[in-house]
Each structure stands twice: as structure tokens, then as C-alpha cells.
Protein backbone atom coordinates (compact mmCIF):
# COMPACT_ATOMS: atom_id res chain seq x y z
CA MET A 1 -8.44 5.84 -3.06
CA LYS A 2 -5.92 3.43 -4.57
CA TYR A 3 -3.85 3.92 -7.68
CA LYS A 4 -1.89 1.52 -9.87
CA CYS A 5 1.39 2.69 -11.36
CA ARG A 6 1.56 1.82 -15.05
CA THR A 7 5.37 1.74 -14.98
CA CYS A 8 6.10 -0.67 -12.14
CA LEU A 9 2.56 -2.15 -11.80
CA THR A 10 2.37 -1.65 -8.03
CA THR A 11 -0.48 -0.10 -6.09
CA CYS A 12 -0.30 2.92 -3.82
CA THR A 13 -2.53 5.40 -2.03
CA ASP A 14 -0.39 8.52 -2.48
CA ILE A 15 0.96 9.23 -5.96
CA ILE A 16 3.55 11.81 -4.89
CA GLU A 17 5.03 9.56 -2.18
CA HIS A 18 5.17 6.66 -4.63
CA ILE A 19 7.04 8.74 -7.22
CA LYS A 20 9.55 9.90 -4.59
CA LYS A 21 10.21 6.55 -2.90
CA VAL A 22 9.89 3.99 -5.69
CA HIS A 23 11.06 5.94 -8.72
CA GLY A 24 13.55 8.23 -6.96
CA PHE A 25 12.30 11.61 -8.18
CA SER A 26 13.25 14.57 -6.00
CA GLU A 27 10.57 16.64 -4.33
CA ARG A 28 11.79 19.75 -6.15
CA TYR A 29 11.47 18.05 -9.56
CA ILE A 30 7.93 16.91 -8.74
CA GLU A 31 6.92 20.41 -7.61
CA ASP A 32 8.34 22.00 -10.76
CA SER A 33 6.63 19.52 -13.07
CA LEU A 34 3.28 19.99 -11.29
CA LYS A 35 3.61 23.79 -11.55
CA SER A 36 4.14 23.63 -15.28
CA ASN A 37 1.48 20.93 -15.87
CA THR A 38 -0.92 19.95 -13.11
CA ASN A 39 -1.85 16.72 -14.93
CA SER A 40 1.73 15.60 -15.57
CA TYR A 41 1.36 12.31 -13.67
CA LYS A 42 -2.27 11.62 -14.55
CA ASN A 43 -1.49 9.19 -17.38
CA SER A 44 1.08 7.30 -15.32
CA PHE A 45 -1.50 6.01 -12.84
CA GLU A 46 -4.91 4.42 -13.08
CA ILE A 47 -7.57 4.48 -10.37
CA ILE A 48 -8.42 1.17 -8.73
CA LYS A 49 -11.89 0.89 -7.28
């Protein structure tokens, strides 16, 4: 499945890897945000068919 980032308008297949590599978020920050809200990155990406 492919996703399009609404911030940088690039496509990716793995949202977590994209956030780490392109946007520079740490793995710990991503884990903490997903624990508190499992849908925290849902609105940042759209599914491409």
C-alpha cells in the first residue's frame, strides 16, 4: 500500500520509516506519540490506490 505525505507531498510505503528519515523524528518520539494516540499520524497521510 502506498501513502502520500501531506506535508512534503512525497509517496512512501512505510509511514514510520518516512517520518524518521524524511522529517527527522526520533524512534522514541514516534513510539510515545503512538502510545498516547494510535491515530496520531493518520491525518498526515492519504492512501494512494
